[in-house]
C-alpha atoms as a PDB file:
ATOM      1  CA  MET A   1     -10.888   4.951 -16.074  1.00  0.00           C
ATOM      2  CA  VAL A   2     -11.182   7.155 -12.984  1.00  0.00           C
ATOM      3  CA  ALA A   3     -13.682   7.306 -10.148  1.00  0.00           C
ATOM      4  CA  ALA A   4     -16.327   9.913 -10.992  1.00  0.00           C
ATOM      5  CA  THR A   5     -18.300   9.660  -7.717  1.00  0.00           C
ATOM      6  CA  ASN A   6     -18.124   7.622  -4.550  1.00  0.00           C
ATOM      7  CA  SER A   7     -21.187   7.864  -2.301  1.00  0.00           C
ATOM      8  CA  GLY A   8     -22.968   5.501   0.062  1.00  0.00           C
ATOM      9  CA  GLY A   9     -20.727   2.614  -0.938  1.00  0.00           C
ATOM     10  CA  ARG A  10     -21.536   3.048  -4.628  1.00  0.00           C
ATOM     11  CA  SER A  11     -19.013   4.205  -7.196  1.00  0.00           C
ATOM     12  CA  THR A  12     -19.382   5.506 -10.722  1.00  0.00           C
ATOM     13  CA  PHE A  13     -16.523   5.803 -13.172  1.00  0.00           C
ATOM     14  CA  GLN A  14     -15.604   7.839 -16.206  1.00  0.00           C
ATOM     15  CA  ASN A  15     -12.821   7.832 -18.748  1.00  0.00           C
ATOM     16  CA  ALA A  16     -10.027  10.335 -18.240  1.00  0.00           C
ATOM     17  CA  PRO A  17      -8.996  11.906 -21.561  1.00  0.00           C
ATOM     18  CA  GLY A  18      -5.301  11.274 -20.907  1.00  0.00           C
ATOM     19  CA  THR A  19      -2.898  10.061 -18.234  1.00  0.00           C
ATOM     20  CA  ARG A  20       0.832   9.471 -17.985  1.00  0.00           C
ATOM     21  CA  ARG A  21       2.833   7.379 -15.539  1.00  0.00           C
ATOM     22  CA  THR A  22       6.618   7.679 -15.365  1.00  0.00           C
ATOM     23  CA  GLY A  23       8.817   6.307 -12.660  1.00  0.00           C
ATOM     24  CA  ALA A  24      11.660   4.149 -11.510  1.00  0.00           C
ATOM     25  CA  GLU A  25      12.162   1.187  -9.200  1.00  0.00           C
ATOM     26  CA  LEU A  26      15.280  -0.017  -7.481  1.00  0.00           C
ATOM     27  CA  SER A  27      15.752  -3.069  -5.307  1.00  0.00           C
ATOM     28  CA  VAL A  28      18.705  -4.702  -3.589  1.00  0.00           C
ATOM     29  CA  ASP A  29      18.631  -8.207  -2.117  1.00  0.00           C
ATOM     30  CA  SER A  30      21.710  -9.377  -0.279  1.00  0.00           C
ATOM     31  CA  ARG A  31      22.981 -12.186   1.940  1.00  0.00           C
ATOM     32  CA  LEU A  32      25.122 -10.436   4.541  1.00  0.00           C
ATOM     33  CA  GLY A  33      26.721 -13.516   6.146  1.00  0.00           C
ATOM     34  CA  ASN A  34      26.246 -15.305   9.474  1.00  0.00           C
ATOM     35  CA  GLY A  35      22.599 -15.974   8.604  1.00  0.00           C
ATOM     36  CA  PHE A  36      21.724 -12.288   8.031  1.00  0.00           C
ATOM     37  CA  GLY A  37      20.002 -10.985   4.933  1.00  0.00           C
ATOM     38  CA  GLY A  38      18.815  -7.621   3.786  1.00  0.00           C
ATOM     39  CA  TYR A  39      16.336  -6.372   1.230  1.00  0.00           C
ATOM     40  CA  LEU A  40      15.559  -2.823   0.150  1.00  0.00           C
ATOM     41  CA  ALA A  41      13.103  -1.617  -2.519  1.00  0.00           C
ATOM     42  CA  ALA A  42      12.352   1.969  -3.504  1.00  0.00           C
ATOM     43  CA  THR A  43       9.803   3.260  -6.020  1.00  0.00           C
ATOM     44  CA  TYR A  44       9.195   6.676  -7.546  1.00  0.00           C
ATOM     45  CA  LEU A  45       6.057   7.117  -9.642  1.00  0.00           C
ATOM     46  CA  ASN A  46       4.694  10.301 -11.171  1.00  0.00           C
ATOM     47  CA  ALA A  47       1.100   9.506 -12.214  1.00  0.00           C
ATOM     48  CA  GLU A  48      -0.694  12.520 -13.650  1.00  0.00           C
ATOM     49  CA  PHE A  49      -3.543  13.629 -15.852  1.00  0.00           C
ATOM     50  CA  THR A  50      -2.282  14.969 -19.194  1.00  0.00           C
ATOM     51  CA  ASP A  51      -5.548  16.610 -20.270  1.00  0.00           C
ATOM     52  CA  SER A  52      -8.038  18.713 -18.323  1.00  0.00           C
ATOM     53  CA  PHE A  53     -11.600  17.406 -17.884  1.00  0.00           C
ATOM     54  CA  VAL A  54     -14.795  17.993 -15.893  1.00  0.00           C
ATOM     55  CA  THR A  55     -15.760  15.677 -13.030  1.00  0.00           C
ATOM     56  CA  CYS A  56     -18.583  15.414 -10.478  1.00  0.00           C
ATOM     57  CA  VAL A  57     -17.883  16.751  -7.009  1.00  0.00           C
ATOM     58  CA  ALA A  58     -21.419  16.440  -5.612  1.00  0.00           C
ATOM     59  CA  LEU A  59     -24.604  14.532  -6.323  1.00  0.00           C
ATOM     60  CA  PRO A  60     -26.733  14.991  -8.309  1.00  0.00           C
ATOM     61  CA  CYS A  61     -24.159  15.680 -10.989  1.00  0.00           C
ATOM     62  CA  THR A  62     -25.509  17.970 -13.706  1.00  0.00           C
ATOM     63  CA  ALA A  63     -23.929  20.255 -16.288  1.00  0.00           C
ATOM     64  CA  THR A  64     -24.587  23.317 -14.112  1.00  0.00           C
ATOM     65  CA  THR A  65     -24.128  22.006 -10.548  1.00  0.00           C
ATOM     66  CA  GLY A  66     -21.839  19.550  -8.855  1.00  0.00           C
ATOM     67  CA  THR A  67     -18.959  19.688 -11.306  1.00  0.00           C
ATOM     68  CA  GLY A  68     -15.315  20.632 -11.021  1.00  0.00           C
ATOM     69  CA  ILE A  69     -12.411  21.006 -13.387  1.00  0.00           C
ATOM     70  CA  VAL A  70      -9.522  18.565 -13.161  1.00  0.00           C
ATOM     71  CA  TYR A  71      -6.481  20.284 -14.588  1.00  0.00           C
ATOM     72  CA  SER A  72      -3.736  18.791 -16.716  1.00  0.00           C
ATOM     73  CA  GLY A  73      -0.794  18.033 -14.416  1.00  0.00           C
ATOM     74  CA  ASN A  74      -2.942  17.034 -11.428  1.00  0.00           C
ATOM     75  CA  GLN A  75      -1.772  13.841  -9.758  1.00  0.00           C
ATOM     76  CA  ILE A  76      -3.888  10.698 -10.166  1.00  0.00           C
ATOM     77  CA  PRO A  77      -5.450  10.051  -6.749  1.00  0.00           C
ATOM     78  CA  SER A  78      -4.609   7.061  -4.557  1.00  0.00           C
ATOM     79  CA  VAL A  79      -1.155   6.686  -6.133  1.00  0.00           C
ATOM     80  CA  PRO A  80       1.790   7.567  -3.861  1.00  0.00           C
ATOM     81  CA  ASN A  81       4.779   9.260  -5.503  1.00  0.00           C
ATOM     82  CA  TYR A  82       7.262   7.410  -3.287  1.00  0.00           C
ATOM     83  CA  THR A  83       7.414   4.093  -1.460  1.00  0.00           C
ATOM     84  CA  LEU A  84      10.266   2.462   0.423  1.00  0.00           C
ATOM     85  CA  TYR A  85      10.390  -1.058   1.869  1.00  0.00           C
ATOM     86  CA  GLY A  86      13.241  -2.596   3.836  1.00  0.00           C
ATOM     87  CA  GLN A  87      13.784  -5.871   5.637  1.00  0.00           C
ATOM     88  CA  LEU A  88      16.537  -7.266   7.816  1.00  0.00           C
ATOM     89  CA  SER A  89      16.299 -11.018   8.364  1.00  0.00           C
ATOM     90  CA  TRP A  90      18.247 -13.611  10.314  1.00  0.00           C
ATOM     91  CA  ALA A  91      18.104 -17.398  10.122  1.00  0.00           C
ATOM     92  CA  TYR A  92      19.775 -20.081  12.238  1.00  0.00           C
ATOM     93  CA  ALA A  93      19.587 -23.213  10.082  1.00  0.00           C
ATOM     94  CA  PRO A  94      20.490 -25.839  12.777  1.00  0.00           C
ATOM     95  CA  LEU A  95      17.273 -24.973  14.673  1.00  0.00           C
ATOM     96  CA  GLY A  96      15.172 -24.047  11.645  1.00  0.00           C
ATOM     97  CA  PHE A  97      14.690 -20.612  13.210  1.00  0.00           C
ATOM     98  CA  SER A  98      14.169 -17.368  11.299  1.00  0.00           C
ATOM     99  CA  ALA A  99      13.293 -13.815  12.302  1.00  0.00           C
ATOM    100  CA  GLY A 100      12.788 -10.532  10.505  1.00  0.00           C
ATOM    101  CA  LEU A 101      12.195  -6.862  11.017  1.00  0.00           C
ATOM    102  CA  ASP A 102      10.660  -4.919   8.151  1.00  0.00           C
ATOM    103  CA  GLY A 103       9.563  -1.363   7.574  1.00  0.00           C
ATOM    104  CA  TYR A 104       7.427   0.383   4.970  1.00  0.00           C
ATOM    105  CA  TRP A 105       7.229   4.087   4.169  1.00  0.00           C
ATOM    106  CA  GLN A 106       4.772   5.648   1.747  1.00  0.00           C
ATOM    107  CA  GLY A 107       4.509   9.241   0.561  1.00  0.00           C
ATOM    108  CA  LYS A 108       1.297  11.243   0.584  1.00  0.00           C
ATOM    109  CA  MET A 109      -1.557  10.501  -1.816  1.00  0.00           C
ATOM    110  CA  TYR A 110      -4.302  12.684  -3.196  1.00  0.00           C
ATOM    111  CA  ALA A 111      -7.883  11.629  -2.415  1.00  0.00           C
ATOM    112  CA  ASP A 112      -9.594  13.383  -5.311  1.00  0.00           C
ATOM    113  CA  ASP A 113      -8.930  14.212  -8.956  1.00  0.00           C
ATOM    114  CA  ARG A 114      -8.781  17.944  -8.244  1.00  0.00           C
ATOM    115  CA  ASN A 115      -5.961  17.350  -5.689  1.00  0.00           C
ATOM    116  CA  THR A 116      -7.745  19.258  -2.916  1.00  0.00           C
ATOM    117  CA  ALA A 117      -7.553  16.484  -0.274  1.00  0.00           C
ATOM    118  CA  THR A 118      -4.557  14.371   0.715  1.00  0.00           C
ATOM    119  CA  SER A 119      -3.607  11.562   3.030  1.00  0.00           C
ATOM    120  CA  GLY A 120      -0.307  12.091   4.789  1.00  0.00           C
ATOM    121  CA  SER A 121       2.800  10.013   4.363  1.00  0.00           C
ATOM    122  CA  TYR A 122       3.371   7.259   6.918  1.00  0.00           C
ATOM    123  CA  TRP A 123       5.715   4.500   7.978  1.00  0.00           C
ATOM    124  CA  VAL A 124       5.062   1.205   9.754  1.00  0.00           C
ATOM    125  CA  ALA A 125       7.229  -1.631  11.026  1.00  0.00           C
ATOM    126  CA  SER A 126       6.584  -5.332  11.590  1.00  0.00           C
ATOM    127  CA  LEU A 127       8.420  -8.088  13.424  1.00  0.00           C
ATOM    128  CA  SER A 128       8.235 -11.809  12.672  1.00  0.00           C
ATOM    129  CA  ALA A 129       9.775 -15.077  13.867  1.00  0.00           C
ATOM    130  CA  GLY A 130       9.264 -18.754  13.186  1.00  0.00           C
ATOM    131  CA  PHE A 131      10.552 -22.308  13.093  1.00  0.00           C
ATOM    132  CA  SER A 132      10.527 -24.949  10.352  1.00  0.00           C
ATOM    133  CA  GLN A 133      11.010 -28.704  10.645  1.00  0.00           C
ATOM    134  CA  ASN A 134      11.272 -31.455   8.027  1.00  0.00           C
ATOM    135  CA  TRP A 135      10.569 -35.149   8.717  1.00  0.00           C
ATOM    136  CA  GLY A 136      10.809 -37.078   5.504  1.00  0.00           C
ATOM    137  CA  GLY A 137       8.150 -35.587   3.236  1.00  0.00           C
ATOM    138  CA  LEU A 138       6.411 -33.725   6.091  1.00  0.00           C
ATOM    139  CA  ARG A 139       7.234 -30.045   6.574  1.00  0.00           C
ATOM    140  CA  LEU A 140       5.910 -28.050   9.544  1.00  0.00           C
ATOM    141  CA  SER A 141       6.293 -24.304   9.966  1.00  0.00           C
ATOM    142  CA  GLU A 142       5.209 -22.285  12.992  1.00  0.00           C
ATOM    143  CA  PHE A 143       5.264 -18.497  12.930  1.00  0.00           C
ATOM    144  CA  ALA A 144       4.299 -15.354  14.813  1.00  0.00           C
ATOM    145  CA  ARG A 145       4.110 -11.805  13.490  1.00  0.00           C
ATOM    146  CA  VAL A 146       3.386  -8.381  14.957  1.00  0.00           C
ATOM    147  CA  ASN A 147       2.096  -5.913  12.361  1.00  0.00           C
ATOM    148  CA  ASN A 148       2.176  -2.146  12.975  1.00  0.00           C
ATOM    149  CA  LEU A 149       4.719  -2.758  15.711  1.00  0.00           C
ATOM    150  CA  PHE A 150       4.663   0.824  17.060  1.00  0.00           C
ATOM    151  CA  ASP A 151       0.851   1.125  16.828  1.00  0.00           C
ATOM    152  CA  ARG A 152       0.937   4.016  14.338  1.00  0.00           C
ATOM    153  CA  GLU A 153      -2.258   5.711  13.150  1.00  0.00           C
ATOM    154  CA  TYR A 154      -2.381   6.116   9.390  1.00  0.00           C
ATOM    155  CA  ILE A 155      -4.676   5.984   6.367  1.00  0.00           C
ATOM    156  CA  SER A 156      -4.636   2.555   4.705  1.00  0.00           C
ATOM    157  CA  ALA A 157      -7.067   3.189   1.845  1.00  0.00           C
ATOM    158  CA  LEU A 158      -8.950   5.983   0.122  1.00  0.00           C
ATOM    159  CA  ALA A 159     -12.474   6.309  -1.279  1.00  0.00           C
ATOM    160  CA  VAL A 160     -11.414   8.385  -4.288  1.00  0.00           C
ATOM    161  CA  ASN A 161     -13.695  11.333  -5.127  1.00  0.00           C
ATOM    162  CA  ASN A 162     -16.103  10.597  -2.270  1.00  0.00           C
ATOM    163  CA  THR A 163     -19.003  13.026  -2.671  1.00  0.00           C
ATOM    164  CA  ASN A 164     -19.459  13.273   1.129  1.00  0.00           C
ATOM    165  CA  LEU A 165     -15.752  14.172   1.522  1.00  0.00           C
ATOM    166  CA  GLN A 166     -15.282  10.997   3.587  1.00  0.00           C
ATOM    167  CA  TYR A 167     -12.186   9.800   1.772  1.00  0.00           C
ATOM    168  CA  TYR A 168     -10.207   8.033   4.463  1.00  0.00           C
ATOM    169  CA  TYR A 169     -10.138   4.472   5.813  1.00  0.00           C
ATOM    170  CA  PRO A 170      -7.989   4.019   8.910  1.00  0.00           C
ATOM    171  CA  ALA A 171      -5.448   1.217   9.068  1.00  0.00           C
ATOM    172  CA  ALA A 172      -5.527  -1.552  11.643  1.00  0.00           C
ATOM    173  CA  GLU A 173      -3.953  -0.903  15.012  1.00  0.00           C
ATOM    174  CA  ARG A 174      -1.118  -3.131  16.192  1.00  0.00           C
ATOM    175  CA  ASN A 175      -2.203  -6.678  15.440  1.00  0.00           C
ATOM    176  CA  TYR A 176      -0.823 -10.168  15.846  1.00  0.00           C
ATOM    177  CA  LEU A 177      -0.738 -13.209  13.646  1.00  0.00           C
ATOM    178  CA  VAL A 178       0.170 -16.698  14.851  1.00  0.00           C
ATOM    179  CA  GLY A 179      -0.031 -19.766  12.688  1.00  0.00           C
ATOM    180  CA  ILE A 180       1.186 -23.165  11.676  1.00  0.00           C
ATOM    181  CA  THR A 181       1.393 -24.692   8.240  1.00  0.00           C
ATOM    182  CA  ALA A 182       1.886 -28.307   7.321  1.00  0.00           C
ATOM    183  CA  SER A 183       2.626 -29.868   3.973  1.00  0.00           C
ATOM    184  CA  TYR A 184       3.507 -33.335   2.813  1.00  0.00           C
ATOM    185  CA  GLU A 185       5.458 -34.072  -0.328  1.00  0.00           C
ATOM    186  CA  PHE A 186       4.903 -37.506  -1.920  1.00  0.00           C
END
């Protein structure tokens, strides 16, 4: 099932005659000593159409107007070929303190079935810290997080096959999250 049209907040879908997804994932999770930990995950995914088909590129979509050919071998839109995530964390158990720095990189994505529009690759970083305390069955956790640490501008989502060619949704600017959680175990 692929997006046929996307206009005015309304989407229609159609069946693609054939698709193929091949890829690989690799992750490493390690305790580095002295309270440090590291995590790294990488993904490669080749998602493509295996058969050519006709799709709408404008409304109204008729047999003679508003159609385009999607060729075999075109990439499936909104699927990045590459992603990479990494995190370095540190915890100091006597105080219940933990902190982390993480980064995410994503390769470009196509915004339409015909592969005529793309969103660029991007990377973002986040920083977090928090404390945890236990008193009998009561557990309290306080935390703070800064997302998009370097205030990068990037595309966070796509409206695939948008008939007005308005494919892109911008990501949030640098933002902050502060919270507290409490739980009690009987």
